[in-house]
PDB file of N, CA and C in Angstrom:
ATOM      1  N   MET A   1     -29.537  30.521  40.866  1.00  0.00           N
ATOM      2  CA  MET A   1     -28.437  29.671  40.436  1.00  0.00           C
ATOM      3  C   MET A   1     -28.864  28.203  40.439  1.00  0.00           C
ATOM      4  N   GLN A   2     -29.646  27.818  41.460  1.00  0.00           N
ATOM      5  CA  GLN A   2     -30.115  26.429  41.521  1.00  0.00           C
ATOM      6  C   GLN A   2     -31.022  26.116  40.335  1.00  0.00           C
ATOM      7  N   ARG A   3     -31.864  27.075  39.966  1.00  0.00           N
ATOM      8  CA  ARG A   3     -32.751  26.867  38.819  1.00  0.00           C
ATOM      9  C   ARG A   3     -31.923  26.708  37.535  1.00  0.00           C
ATOM     10  N   PHE A   4     -30.897  27.526  37.380  1.00  0.00           N
ATOM     11  CA  PHE A   4     -30.020  27.446  36.217  1.00  0.00           C
ATOM     12  C   PHE A   4     -29.329  26.086  36.152  1.00  0.00           C
ATOM     13  N   LEU A   5     -28.826  25.628  37.297  1.00  0.00           N
ATOM     14  CA  LEU A   5     -28.143  24.330  37.333  1.00  0.00           C
ATOM     15  C   LEU A   5     -29.094  23.182  36.989  1.00  0.00           C
ATOM     16  N   SER A   6     -30.311  23.246  37.497  1.00  0.00           N
ATOM     17  CA  SER A   6     -31.267  22.177  37.190  1.00  0.00           C
ATOM     18  C   SER A   6     -31.659  22.205  35.707  1.00  0.00           C
ATOM     19  N   GLU A   7     -31.798  23.409  35.139  1.00  0.00           N
ATOM     20  CA  GLU A   7     -32.097  23.510  33.708  1.00  0.00           C
ATOM     21  C   GLU A   7     -30.949  22.945  32.872  1.00  0.00           C
ATOM     22  N   GLN A   8     -29.741  23.255  33.264  1.00  0.00           N
ATOM     23  CA  GLN A   8     -28.581  22.760  32.538  1.00  0.00           C
ATOM     24  C   GLN A   8     -28.482  21.238  32.647  1.00  0.00           C
ATOM     25  N   GLN A   9     -28.807  20.699  33.814  1.00  0.00           N
ATOM     26  CA  GLN A   9     -28.785  19.247  34.007  1.00  0.00           C
ATOM     27  C   GLN A   9     -29.824  18.585  33.101  1.00  0.00           C
ATOM     28  N   GLU A  10     -31.011  19.181  32.999  1.00  0.00           N
ATOM     29  CA  GLU A  10     -32.053  18.635  32.132  1.00  0.00           C
ATOM     30  C   GLU A  10     -31.620  18.671  30.667  1.00  0.00           C
ATOM     31  N   GLN A  11     -31.033  19.778  30.247  1.00  0.00           N
ATOM     32  CA  GLN A  11     -30.581  19.902  28.861  1.00  0.00           C
ATOM     33  C   GLN A  11     -29.431  18.930  28.569  1.00  0.00           C
ATOM     34  N   LEU A  12     -28.579  18.745  29.553  1.00  0.00           N
ATOM     35  CA  LEU A  12     -27.466  17.807  29.386  1.00  0.00           C
ATOM     36  C   LEU A  12     -27.991  16.385  29.211  1.00  0.00           C
ATOM     37  N   LEU A  13     -28.944  15.994  30.037  1.00  0.00           N
ATOM     38  CA  LEU A  13     -29.509  14.644  29.931  1.00  0.00           C
ATOM     39  C   LEU A  13     -30.320  14.480  28.652  1.00  0.00           C
ATOM     40  N   ALA A  14     -30.883  15.570  28.144  1.00  0.00           N
ATOM     41  CA  ALA A  14     -31.611  15.484  26.883  1.00  0.00           C
ATOM     42  C   ALA A  14     -30.649  15.231  25.725  1.00  0.00           C
ATOM     43  N   LYS A  15     -29.454  15.811  25.794  1.00  0.00           N
ATOM     44  CA  LYS A  15     -28.481  15.636  24.720  1.00  0.00           C
ATOM     45  C   LYS A  15     -27.607  14.400  24.918  1.00  0.00           C
ATOM     46  N   LEU A  16     -27.461  13.969  26.142  1.00  0.00           N
ATOM     47  CA  LEU A  16     -26.690  12.752  26.446  1.00  0.00           C
ATOM     48  C   LEU A  16     -27.571  11.784  27.234  1.00  0.00           C
ATOM     49  N   PRO A  17     -28.509  11.130  26.578  1.00  0.00           N
ATOM     50  CA  PRO A  17     -29.426  10.243  27.307  1.00  0.00           C
ATOM     51  C   PRO A  17     -28.727   9.063  27.975  1.00  0.00           C
ATOM     52  N   GLU A  18     -27.538   8.706  27.485  1.00  0.00           N
ATOM     53  CA  GLU A  18     -26.821   7.588  28.114  1.00  0.00           C
ATOM     54  C   GLU A  18     -26.354   7.945  29.518  1.00  0.00           C
ATOM     55  N   TRP A  19     -26.331   9.234  29.855  1.00  0.00           N
ATOM     56  CA  TRP A  19     -25.929   9.652  31.197  1.00  0.00           C
ATOM     57  C   TRP A  19     -27.056   9.486  32.211  1.00  0.00           C
ATOM     58  N   LYS A  20     -28.210   9.041  31.789  1.00  0.00           N
ATOM     59  CA  LYS A  20     -29.282   8.753  32.751  1.00  0.00           C
ATOM     60  C   LYS A  20     -28.904   7.544  33.599  1.00  0.00           C
ATOM     61  N   ASP A  21     -28.042   6.711  33.055  1.00  0.00           N
ATOM     62  CA  ASP A  21     -27.482   5.596  33.814  1.00  0.00           C
ATOM     63  C   ASP A  21     -26.378   6.169  34.707  1.00  0.00           C
ATOM     64  N   GLU A  22     -26.583   6.137  36.010  1.00  0.00           N
ATOM     65  CA  GLU A  22     -25.656   6.763  36.961  1.00  0.00           C
ATOM     66  C   GLU A  22     -24.247   6.195  36.877  1.00  0.00           C
ATOM     67  N   GLY A  23     -24.132   4.893  36.687  1.00  0.00           N
ATOM     68  CA  GLY A  23     -22.806   4.274  36.624  1.00  0.00           C
ATOM     69  C   GLY A  23     -22.000   4.761  35.427  1.00  0.00           C
ATOM     70  N   LYS A  24     -22.654   4.816  34.282  1.00  0.00           N
ATOM     71  CA  LYS A  24     -21.974   5.276  33.078  1.00  0.00           C
ATOM     72  C   LYS A  24     -21.645   6.758  33.177  1.00  0.00           C
ATOM     73  N   ALA A  25     -22.568   7.538  33.723  1.00  0.00           N
ATOM     74  CA  ALA A  25     -22.338   8.980  33.865  1.00  0.00           C
ATOM     75  C   ALA A  25     -21.177   9.248  34.815  1.00  0.00           C
ATOM     76  N   LYS A  26     -21.134   8.524  35.912  1.00  0.00           N
ATOM     77  CA  LYS A  26     -20.073   8.734  36.898  1.00  0.00           C
ATOM     78  C   LYS A  26     -18.704   8.395  36.309  1.00  0.00           C
ATOM     79  N   ALA A  27     -18.640   7.284  35.582  1.00  0.00           N
ATOM     80  CA  ALA A  27     -17.373   6.875  34.987  1.00  0.00           C
ATOM     81  C   ALA A  27     -16.910   7.888  33.942  1.00  0.00           C
ATOM     82  N   GLU A  28     -17.819   8.371  33.127  1.00  0.00           N
ATOM     83  CA  GLU A  28     -17.444   9.325  32.087  1.00  0.00           C
ATOM     84  C   GLU A  28     -17.084  10.689  32.687  1.00  0.00           C
ATOM     85  N   LYS A  29     -17.780  11.075  33.744  1.00  0.00           N
ATOM     86  CA  LYS A  29     -17.458  12.349  34.406  1.00  0.00           C
ATOM     87  C   LYS A  29     -16.064  12.301  35.013  1.00  0.00           C
ATOM     88  N   GLN A  30     -15.721  11.167  35.607  1.00  0.00           N
ATOM     89  CA  GLN A  30     -14.391  11.018  36.196  1.00  0.00           C
ATOM     90  C   GLN A  30     -13.315  11.063  35.109  1.00  0.00           C
ATOM     91  N   ALA A  31     -13.578  10.404  33.999  1.00  0.00           N
ATOM     92  CA  ALA A  31     -12.620  10.426  32.883  1.00  0.00           C
ATOM     93  C   ALA A  31     -12.479  11.840  32.331  1.00  0.00           C
ATOM     94  N   MET A  32     -13.581  12.580  32.293  1.00  0.00           N
ATOM     95  CA  MET A  32     -13.533  13.964  31.826  1.00  0.00           C
ATOM     96  C   MET A  32     -12.730  14.835  32.777  1.00  0.00           C
ATOM     97  N   ARG A  33     -12.897  14.610  34.067  1.00  0.00           N
ATOM     98  CA  ARG A  33     -12.131  15.378  35.051  1.00  0.00           C
ATOM     99  C   ARG A  33     -10.627  15.156  34.841  1.00  0.00           C
ATOM    100  N   GLU A  34     -10.240  13.900  34.651  1.00  0.00           N
ATOM    101  CA  GLU A  34      -8.825  13.577  34.433  1.00  0.00           C
ATOM    102  C   GLU A  34      -8.321  14.211  33.126  1.00  0.00           C
ATOM    103  N   PHE A  35      -9.133  14.133  32.082  1.00  0.00           N
ATOM    104  CA  PHE A  35      -8.752  14.716  30.796  1.00  0.00           C
ATOM    105  C   PHE A  35      -8.575  16.226  30.922  1.00  0.00           C
ATOM    106  N   LEU A  36      -9.515  16.895  31.570  1.00  0.00           N
ATOM    107  CA  LEU A  36      -9.440  18.348  31.703  1.00  0.00           C
ATOM    108  C   LEU A  36      -8.261  18.764  32.577  1.00  0.00           C
ATOM    109  N   SER A  37      -7.995  18.010  33.638  1.00  0.00           N
ATOM    110  CA  SER A  37      -6.864  18.376  34.488  1.00  0.00           C
ATOM    111  C   SER A  37      -5.542  18.146  33.746  1.00  0.00           C
ATOM    112  N   GLN A  38      -5.457  17.103  32.916  1.00  0.00           N
ATOM    113  CA  GLN A  38      -4.266  16.883  32.100  1.00  0.00           C
ATOM    114  C   GLN A  38      -4.124  17.958  31.031  1.00  0.00           C
ATOM    115  N   SER A  39      -5.238  18.570  30.648  1.00  0.00           N
ATOM    116  CA  SER A  39      -5.222  19.623  29.633  1.00  0.00           C
ATOM    117  C   SER A  39      -4.911  20.992  30.229  1.00  0.00           C
ATOM    118  N   GLY A  40      -4.735  21.059  31.551  1.00  0.00           N
ATOM    119  CA  GLY A  40      -4.313  22.308  32.181  1.00  0.00           C
ATOM    120  C   GLY A  40      -5.388  23.042  32.946  1.00  0.00           C
ATOM    121  N   PHE A  41      -6.578  22.488  33.095  1.00  0.00           N
ATOM    122  CA  PHE A  41      -7.629  23.135  33.863  1.00  0.00           C
ATOM    123  C   PHE A  41      -7.429  22.853  35.347  1.00  0.00           C
ATOM    124  N   SER A  42      -7.739  23.842  36.175  1.00  0.00           N
ATOM    125  CA  SER A  42      -7.627  23.650  37.619  1.00  0.00           C
ATOM    126  C   SER A  42      -8.893  22.955  38.129  1.00  0.00           C
ATOM    127  N   GLU A  43      -8.828  22.437  39.339  1.00  0.00           N
ATOM    128  CA  GLU A  43      -9.982  21.773  39.943  1.00  0.00           C
ATOM    129  C   GLU A  43     -11.154  22.730  40.107  1.00  0.00           C
ATOM    130  N   ASP A  44     -10.864  24.007  40.431  1.00  0.00           N
ATOM    131  CA  ASP A  44     -11.932  24.997  40.555  1.00  0.00           C
ATOM    132  C   ASP A  44     -12.633  25.224  39.222  1.00  0.00           C
ATOM    133  N   GLU A  45     -11.854  25.323  38.146  1.00  0.00           N
ATOM    134  CA  GLU A  45     -12.443  25.528  36.830  1.00  0.00           C
ATOM    135  C   GLU A  45     -13.285  24.327  36.411  1.00  0.00           C
ATOM    136  N   ILE A  46     -12.811  23.156  36.726  1.00  0.00           N
ATOM    137  CA  ILE A  46     -13.555  21.945  36.372  1.00  0.00           C
ATOM    138  C   ILE A  46     -14.835  21.864  37.198  1.00  0.00           C
ATOM    139  N   GLY A  47     -14.737  22.154  38.474  1.00  0.00           N
ATOM    140  CA  GLY A  47     -15.899  22.081  39.357  1.00  0.00           C
ATOM    141  C   GLY A  47     -16.945  23.138  39.066  1.00  0.00           C
ATOM    142  N   ASN A  48     -16.551  24.258  38.492  1.00  0.00           N
ATOM    143  CA  ASN A  48     -17.501  25.332  38.211  1.00  0.00           C
ATOM    144  C   ASN A  48     -18.105  25.260  36.812  1.00  0.00           C
ATOM    145  N   ALA A  49     -17.800  24.234  36.071  1.00  0.00           N
ATOM    146  CA  ALA A  49     -18.397  24.084  34.741  1.00  0.00           C
ATOM    147  C   ALA A  49     -19.863  23.728  34.913  1.00  0.00           C
ATOM    148  N   ALA A  50     -20.746  24.629  34.504  1.00  0.00           N
ATOM    149  CA  ALA A  50     -22.169  24.412  34.705  1.00  0.00           C
ATOM    150  C   ALA A  50     -22.940  24.383  33.391  1.00  0.00           C
ATOM    151  N   ASP A  51     -22.452  25.048  32.392  1.00  0.00           N
ATOM    152  CA  ASP A  51     -23.157  25.119  31.121  1.00  0.00           C
ATOM    153  C   ASP A  51     -23.056  23.773  30.407  1.00  0.00           C
ATOM    154  N   HIS A  52     -24.195  23.235  30.018  1.00  0.00           N
ATOM    155  CA  HIS A  52     -24.204  21.909  29.400  1.00  0.00           C
ATOM    156  C   HIS A  52     -23.438  21.889  28.085  1.00  0.00           C
ATOM    157  N   ARG A  53     -23.383  22.986  27.377  1.00  0.00           N
ATOM    158  CA  ARG A  53     -22.657  23.047  26.108  1.00  0.00           C
ATOM    159  C   ARG A  53     -21.159  22.853  26.323  1.00  0.00           C
ATOM    160  N   MET A  54     -20.637  23.450  27.387  1.00  0.00           N
ATOM    161  CA  MET A  54     -19.211  23.297  27.689  1.00  0.00           C
ATOM    162  C   MET A  54     -18.884  21.840  28.047  1.00  0.00           C
ATOM    163  N   ILE A  55     -19.783  21.214  28.776  1.00  0.00           N
ATOM    164  CA  ILE A  55     -19.568  19.820  29.175  1.00  0.00           C
ATOM    165  C   ILE A  55     -19.592  18.910  27.954  1.00  0.00           C
ATOM    166  N   ILE A  56     -20.496  19.177  27.026  1.00  0.00           N
ATOM    167  CA  ILE A  56     -20.578  18.365  25.812  1.00  0.00           C
ATOM    168  C   ILE A  56     -19.320  18.552  24.965  1.00  0.00           C
ATOM    169  N   ILE A  57     -18.831  19.773  24.858  1.00  0.00           N
ATOM    170  CA  ILE A  57     -17.617  20.030  24.088  1.00  0.00           C
ATOM    171  C   ILE A  57     -16.410  19.342  24.738  1.00  0.00           C
ATOM    172  N   ALA A  58     -16.335  19.413  26.059  1.00  0.00           N
ATOM    173  CA  ALA A  58     -15.231  18.748  26.757  1.00  0.00           C
ATOM    174  C   ALA A  58     -15.293  17.239  26.552  1.00  0.00           C
ATOM    175  N   ARG A  59     -16.492  16.687  26.576  1.00  0.00           N
ATOM    176  CA  ARG A  59     -16.660  15.248  26.363  1.00  0.00           C
ATOM    177  C   ARG A  59     -16.259  14.871  24.936  1.00  0.00           C
ATOM    178  N   ASP A  60     -16.672  15.673  23.974  1.00  0.00           N
ATOM    179  CA  ASP A  60     -16.304  15.396  22.586  1.00  0.00           C
ATOM    180  C   ASP A  60     -14.792  15.462  22.397  1.00  0.00           C
ATOM    181  N   ALA A  61     -14.152  16.437  23.016  1.00  0.00           N
ATOM    182  CA  ALA A  61     -12.694  16.563  22.910  1.00  0.00           C
ATOM    183  C   ALA A  61     -12.007  15.357  23.532  1.00  0.00           C
ATOM    184  N   MET A  62     -12.512  14.903  24.663  1.00  0.00           N
ATOM    185  CA  MET A  62     -11.932  13.736  25.327  1.00  0.00           C
ATOM    186  C   MET A  62     -12.085  12.495  24.447  1.00  0.00           C
ATOM    187  N   ARG A  63     -13.262  12.304  23.886  1.00  0.00           N
ATOM    188  CA  ARG A  63     -13.502  11.131  23.051  1.00  0.00           C
ATOM    189  C   ARG A  63     -12.686  11.196  21.758  1.00  0.00           C
ATOM    190  N   PHE A  64     -12.497  12.403  21.214  1.00  0.00           N
ATOM    191  CA  PHE A  64     -11.674  12.556  20.015  1.00  0.00           C
ATOM    192  C   PHE A  64     -10.231  12.183  20.316  1.00  0.00           C
ATOM    193  N   ARG A  65      -9.720  12.643  21.444  1.00  0.00           N
ATOM    194  CA  ARG A  65      -8.331  12.312  21.805  1.00  0.00           C
ATOM    195  C   ARG A  65      -8.173  10.813  21.994  1.00  0.00           C
ATOM    196  N   GLU A  66      -9.162  10.164  22.626  1.00  0.00           N
ATOM    197  CA  GLU A  66      -9.104   8.710  22.796  1.00  0.00           C
ATOM    198  C   GLU A  66      -9.102   8.006  21.439  1.00  0.00           C
ATOM    199  N   MET A  67      -9.935   8.500  20.526  1.00  0.00           N
ATOM    200  CA  MET A  67     -10.014   7.901  19.200  1.00  0.00           C
ATOM    201  C   MET A  67      -8.686   8.056  18.464  1.00  0.00           C
ATOM    202  N   MET A  68      -8.061   9.213  18.552  1.00  0.00           N
ATOM    203  CA  MET A  68      -6.793   9.437  17.869  1.00  0.00           C
ATOM    204  C   MET A  68      -5.690   8.562  18.461  1.00  0.00           C
ATOM    205  N   ASN A  69      -5.695   8.377  19.782  1.00  0.00           N
ATOM    206  CA  ASN A  69      -4.702   7.508  20.417  1.00  0.00           C
ATOM    207  C   ASN A  69      -4.871   6.056  19.959  1.00  0.00           C
ATOM    208  N   LYS A  70      -6.120   5.617  19.822  1.00  0.00           N
ATOM    209  CA  LYS A  70      -6.366   4.256  19.337  1.00  0.00           C
ATOM    210  C   LYS A  70      -5.924   4.114  17.890  1.00  0.00           C
ATOM    211  N   ALA A  71      -6.141   5.150  17.094  1.00  0.00           N
ATOM    212  CA  ALA A  71      -5.734   5.102  15.688  1.00  0.00           C
ATOM    213  C   ALA A  71      -4.217   5.046  15.571  1.00  0.00           C
ATOM    214  N   LYS A  72      -3.509   5.801  16.418  1.00  0.00           N
ATOM    215  CA  LYS A  72      -2.047   5.762  16.387  1.00  0.00           C
ATOM    216  C   LYS A  72      -1.537   4.382  16.769  1.00  0.00           C
ATOM    217  N   ALA A  73      -2.153   3.788  17.796  1.00  0.00           N
ATOM    218  CA  ALA A  73      -1.734   2.457  18.230  1.00  0.00           C
ATOM    219  C   ALA A  73      -2.001   1.430  17.128  1.00  0.00           C
ATOM    220  N   ALA A  74      -3.129   1.556  16.447  1.00  0.00           N
ATOM    221  CA  ALA A  74      -3.450   0.615  15.373  1.00  0.00           C
ATOM    222  C   ALA A  74      -2.495   0.778  14.201  1.00  0.00           C
ATOM    223  N   SER A  75      -2.131   2.003  13.878  1.00  0.00           N
ATOM    224  CA  SER A  75      -1.217   2.204  12.753  1.00  0.00           C
ATOM    225  C   SER A  75       0.177   1.686  13.080  1.00  0.00           C
ATOM    226  N   LYS A  76       0.591   1.769  14.336  1.00  0.00           N
ATOM    227  CA  LYS A  76       1.885   1.212  14.720  1.00  0.00           C
ATOM    228  C   LYS A  76       1.876  -0.306  14.569  1.00  0.00           C
ATOM    229  N   ARG A  77       0.768  -0.945  14.914  1.00  0.00           N
ATOM    230  CA  ARG A  77       0.675  -2.397  14.760  1.00  0.00           C
ATOM    231  C   ARG A  77       0.739  -2.776  13.292  1.00  0.00           C
ATOM    232  N   VAL A  78       0.104  -1.983  12.447  1.00  0.00           N
ATOM    233  CA  VAL A  78       0.114  -2.284  11.017  1.00  0.00           C
ATOM    234  C   VAL A  78       1.506  -2.095  10.445  1.00  0.00           C
ATOM    235  N   GLU A  79       2.226  -1.080  10.889  1.00  0.00           N
ATOM    236  CA  GLU A  79       3.572  -0.840  10.390  1.00  0.00           C
ATOM    237  C   GLU A  79       4.513  -1.979  10.760  1.00  0.00           C
ATOM    238  N   ASN A  80       4.296  -2.627  11.890  1.00  0.00           N
ATOM    239  CA  ASN A  80       5.186  -3.681  12.357  1.00  0.00           C
ATOM    240  C   ASN A  80       4.924  -5.026  11.695  1.00  0.00           C
ATOM    241  N   VAL A  81       3.858  -5.158  10.944  1.00  0.00           N
ATOM    242  CA  VAL A  81       3.549  -6.418  10.282  1.00  0.00           C
ATOM    243  C   VAL A  81       4.486  -6.579   9.091  1.00  0.00           C
ATOM    244  N   PRO A  82       5.156  -7.735   8.991  1.00  0.00           N
ATOM    245  CA  PRO A  82       6.052  -7.923   7.840  1.00  0.00           C
ATOM    246  C   PRO A  82       5.252  -7.958   6.541  1.00  0.00           C
ATOM    247  N   ARG A  83       5.812  -7.356   5.543  1.00  0.00           N
ATOM    248  CA  ARG A  83       5.131  -7.307   4.251  1.00  0.00           C
ATOM    249  C   ARG A  83       5.337  -8.623   3.508  1.00  0.00           C
ATOM    250  N   ARG A  84       4.302  -9.042   2.817  1.00  0.00           N
ATOM    251  CA  ARG A  84       4.366 -10.282   2.062  1.00  0.00           C
ATOM    252  C   ARG A  84       5.042  -9.991   0.725  1.00  0.00           C
ATOM    253  N   VAL A  85       6.020 -10.800   0.405  1.00  0.00           N
ATOM    254  CA  VAL A  85       6.758 -10.626  -0.836  1.00  0.00           C
ATOM    255  C   VAL A  85       6.126 -11.517  -1.891  1.00  0.00           C
ATOM    256  N   GLU A  86       5.785 -10.934  -3.015  1.00  0.00           N
ATOM    257  CA  GLU A  86       5.207 -11.714  -4.096  1.00  0.00           C
ATOM    258  C   GLU A  86       6.274 -11.987  -5.140  1.00  0.00           C
ATOM    259  N   ARG A  87       6.294 -13.198  -5.610  1.00  0.00           N
ATOM    260  CA  ARG A  87       7.267 -13.587  -6.625  1.00  0.00           C
ATOM    261  C   ARG A  87       6.741 -13.155  -7.997  1.00  0.00           C
ATOM    262  N   PRO A  88       7.651 -12.805  -8.872  1.00  0.00           N
ATOM    263  CA  PRO A  88       7.191 -12.398 -10.193  1.00  0.00           C
ATOM    264  C   PRO A  88       6.586 -13.575 -10.945  1.00  0.00           C
ATOM    265  N   ALA A  89       5.524 -13.304 -11.657  1.00  0.00           N
ATOM    266  CA  ALA A  89       4.852 -14.356 -12.421  1.00  0.00           C
ATOM    267  C   ALA A  89       5.516 -14.500 -13.779  1.00  0.00           C
ATOM    268  N   ALA A  90       5.344 -15.657 -14.339  1.00  0.00           N
ATOM    269  CA  ALA A  90       5.894 -15.896 -15.674  1.00  0.00           C
ATOM    270  C   ALA A  90       5.168 -15.005 -16.664  1.00  0.00           C
ATOM    271  N   GLY A  91       5.889 -14.482 -17.620  1.00  0.00           N
ATOM    272  CA  GLY A  91       5.275 -13.603 -18.601  1.00  0.00           C
ATOM    273  C   GLY A  91       4.306 -14.359 -19.492  1.00  0.00           C
ATOM    274  N   SER A  92       3.247 -13.736 -19.870  1.00  0.00           N
ATOM    275  CA  SER A  92       2.282 -14.387 -20.737  1.00  0.00           C
ATOM    276  C   SER A  92       2.306 -13.713 -22.098  1.00  0.00           C
ATOM    277  N   ALA A  93       2.116 -14.507 -23.116  1.00  0.00           N
ATOM    278  CA  ALA A  93       2.110 -13.982 -24.477  1.00  0.00           C
ATOM    279  C   ALA A  93       0.844 -13.167 -24.676  1.00  0.00           C
ATOM    280  N   PRO A  94       0.933 -12.083 -25.412  1.00  0.00           N
ATOM    281  CA  PRO A  94      -0.280 -11.298 -25.643  1.00  0.00           C
ATOM    282  C   PRO A  94      -1.290 -12.126 -26.414  1.00  0.00           C
ATOM    283  N   SER A  95      -2.498 -12.109 -25.946  1.00  0.00           N
ATOM    284  CA  SER A  95      -3.523 -12.914 -26.596  1.00  0.00           C
ATOM    285  C   SER A  95      -4.122 -12.149 -27.765  1.00  0.00           C
ATOM    286  N   VAL A  96      -4.437 -12.896 -28.797  1.00  0.00           N
ATOM    287  CA  VAL A  96      -5.030 -12.306 -29.992  1.00  0.00           C
ATOM    288  C   VAL A  96      -6.529 -12.550 -29.899  1.00  0.00           C
ATOM    289  N   ASP A  97      -7.295 -11.497 -30.066  1.00  0.00           N
ATOM    290  CA  ASP A  97      -8.738 -11.688 -29.954  1.00  0.00           C
ATOM    291  C   ASP A  97      -9.280 -12.429 -31.177  1.00  0.00           C
ATOM    292  N   LYS A  98     -10.508 -12.835 -31.073  1.00  0.00           N
ATOM    293  CA  LYS A  98     -11.127 -13.705 -32.069  1.00  0.00           C
ATOM    294  C   LYS A  98     -11.220 -13.030 -33.436  1.00  0.00           C
ATOM    295  N   ARG A  99     -11.572 -11.740 -33.465  1.00  0.00           N
ATOM    296  CA  ARG A  99     -11.706 -11.034 -34.736  1.00  0.00           C
ATOM    297  C   ARG A  99     -10.378 -10.945 -35.482  1.00  0.00           C
ATOM    298  N   SER A 100      -9.344 -10.637 -34.718  1.00  0.00           N
ATOM    299  CA  SER A 100      -8.024 -10.532 -35.350  1.00  0.00           C
ATOM    300  C   SER A 100      -7.599 -11.870 -35.936  1.00  0.00           C
ATOM    301  N   ALA A 101      -7.866 -12.931 -35.207  1.00  0.00           N
ATOM    302  CA  ALA A 101      -7.504 -14.258 -35.704  1.00  0.00           C
ATOM    303  C   ALA A 101      -8.277 -14.584 -36.971  1.00  0.00           C
ATOM    304  N   GLN A 102      -9.575 -14.242 -37.002  1.00  0.00           N
ATOM    305  CA  GLN A 102     -10.375 -14.512 -38.186  1.00  0.00           C
ATOM    306  C   GLN A 102      -9.901 -13.664 -39.371  1.00  0.00           C
ATOM    307  N   PHE A 103      -9.531 -12.416 -39.112  1.00  0.00           N
ATOM    308  CA  PHE A 103      -9.052 -11.547 -40.181  1.00  0.00           C
ATOM    309  C   PHE A 103      -7.733 -12.058 -40.744  1.00  0.00           C
ATOM    310  N   GLN A 104      -6.852 -12.530 -39.880  1.00  0.00           N
ATOM    311  CA  GLN A 104      -5.584 -13.092 -40.351  1.00  0.00           C
ATOM    312  C   GLN A 104      -5.825 -14.345 -41.199  1.00  0.00           C
ATOM    313  N   LYS A 105      -6.786 -15.159 -40.779  1.00  0.00           N
ATOM    314  CA  LYS A 105      -7.119 -16.369 -41.539  1.00  0.00           C
ATOM    315  C   LYS A 105      -7.654 -15.992 -42.923  1.00  0.00           C
ATOM    316  N   LEU A 106      -8.469 -14.883 -42.961  1.00  0.00           N
ATOM    317  CA  LEU A 106      -9.019 -14.409 -44.224  1.00  0.00           C
ATOM    318  C   LEU A 106      -7.907 -13.921 -45.161  1.00  0.00           C
ATOM    319  N   THR A 107      -6.962 -13.184 -44.607  1.00  0.00           N
ATOM    320  CA  THR A 107      -5.891 -12.668 -45.460  1.00  0.00           C
ATOM    321  C   THR A 107      -5.033 -13.795 -46.022  1.00  0.00           C
ATOM    322  N   LYS A 108      -4.884 -14.876 -45.293  1.00  0.00           N
ATOM    323  CA  LYS A 108      -4.090 -16.001 -45.793  1.00  0.00           C
ATOM    324  C   LYS A 108      -4.856 -16.806 -46.849  1.00  0.00           C
ATOM    325  N   SER A 109      -6.144 -17.043 -46.562  1.00  0.00           N
ATOM    326  CA  SER A 109      -6.898 -17.933 -47.447  1.00  0.00           C
ATOM    327  C   SER A 109      -7.631 -17.178 -48.552  1.00  0.00           C
ATOM    328  N   GLY A 110      -8.207 -16.036 -48.231  1.00  0.00           N
ATOM    329  CA  GLY A 110      -8.974 -15.282 -49.215  1.00  0.00           C
ATOM    330  C   GLY A 110     -10.302 -15.921 -49.541  1.00  0.00           C
ATOM    331  N   SER A 111     -10.769 -16.862 -48.743  1.00  0.00           N
ATOM    332  CA  SER A 111     -12.014 -17.569 -49.040  1.00  0.00           C
ATOM    333  C   SER A 111     -13.232 -16.762 -48.596  1.00  0.00           C
ATOM    334  N   VAL A 112     -14.346 -17.045 -49.247  1.00  0.00           N
ATOM    335  CA  VAL A 112     -15.607 -16.365 -48.945  1.00  0.00           C
ATOM    336  C   VAL A 112     -16.090 -16.752 -47.550  1.00  0.00           C
ATOM    337  N   GLU A 113     -15.893 -17.974 -47.134  1.00  0.00           N
ATOM    338  CA  GLU A 113     -16.328 -18.426 -45.808  1.00  0.00           C
ATOM    339  C   GLU A 113     -15.587 -17.671 -44.704  1.00  0.00           C
ATOM    340  N   ASP A 114     -14.293 -17.444 -44.903  1.00  0.00           N
ATOM    341  CA  ASP A 114     -13.520 -16.703 -43.899  1.00  0.00           C
ATOM    342  C   ASP A 114     -13.949 -15.233 -43.855  1.00  0.00           C
ATOM    343  N   ALA A 115     -14.311 -14.693 -45.001  1.00  0.00           N
ATOM    344  CA  ALA A 115     -14.801 -13.313 -45.056  1.00  0.00           C
ATOM    345  C   ALA A 115     -16.136 -13.201 -44.321  1.00  0.00           C
ATOM    346  N   ALA A 116     -16.996 -14.198 -44.518  1.00  0.00           N
ATOM    347  CA  ALA A 116     -18.301 -14.211 -43.844  1.00  0.00           C
ATOM    348  C   ALA A 116     -18.097 -14.317 -42.325  1.00  0.00           C
ATOM    349  N   ALA A 117     -17.112 -15.073 -41.892  1.00  0.00           N
ATOM    350  CA  ALA A 117     -16.825 -15.211 -40.462  1.00  0.00           C
ATOM    351  C   ALA A 117     -16.359 -13.872 -39.879  1.00  0.00           C
ATOM    352  N   VAL A 118     -15.569 -13.119 -40.635  1.00  0.00           N
ATOM    353  CA  VAL A 118     -15.098 -11.819 -40.160  1.00  0.00           C
ATOM    354  C   VAL A 118     -16.289 -10.877 -40.004  1.00  0.00           C
ATOM    355  N   PHE A 119     -17.163 -10.847 -41.030  1.00  0.00           N
ATOM    356  CA  PHE A 119     -18.332  -9.964 -40.965  1.00  0.00           C
ATOM    357  C   PHE A 119     -19.283 -10.389 -39.855  1.00  0.00           C
ATOM    358  N   ALA A 120     -19.415 -11.665 -39.631  1.00  0.00           N
ATOM    359  CA  ALA A 120     -20.290 -12.176 -38.553  1.00  0.00           C
ATOM    360  C   ALA A 120     -19.741 -11.752 -37.188  1.00  0.00           C
ATOM    361  N   SER A 121     -18.431 -11.738 -37.047  1.00  0.00           N
ATOM    362  CA  SER A 121     -17.853 -11.338 -35.748  1.00  0.00           C
ATOM    363  C   SER A 121     -18.004  -9.831 -35.508  1.00  0.00           C
ATOM    364  N   LEU A 122     -18.104  -9.068 -36.599  1.00  0.00           N
ATOM    365  CA  LEU A 122     -18.293  -7.624 -36.445  1.00  0.00           C
ATOM    366  C   LEU A 122     -19.704  -7.277 -35.999  1.00  0.00           C
ATOM    367  N   LEU A 123     -20.657  -8.121 -36.302  1.00  0.00           N
ATOM    368  CA  LEU A 123     -22.038  -7.855 -35.934  1.00  0.00           C
ATOM    369  C   LEU A 123     -22.279  -8.337 -34.575  1.00  0.00           C
TER     370      LEU A 123
END
C-alpha cells in the first residue's frame, strides 16, 4: 500500500507540477477538502482518496465550479450597468454614385464628352 501511495504521489506531482510548492499544494488541498465535503463526501471518503486520477478530477470540478461562480457574478454586474441610450441621427439623402451621375448628365446633354466620361468610368 505504501508503494502504491508513493507511486500515486509521483504521478500526481508529474501531472500537477505546481503542487511541488508545499504552500500552494496545502492551500489547494484544503480548498478541495471543503469542496468535496460541501458536495456530500464524508471525511473518511475524502481521506481515503489515493488514486491521482480521482484527485485531478476533483480538482478540475472544484476549479470549474469556481469559474462558473465568477462568471455568474460578472454577468450580474453587467446586467446592472445602465444601458446607454442613443439618439436617432438625422436622415441622410441617398447618395448617387459617380457613374449614375455621369449617365444622368449624358442623358440630359447627349454630348460625346459626357459619353466618353461614362465609358471611362466603366473601365
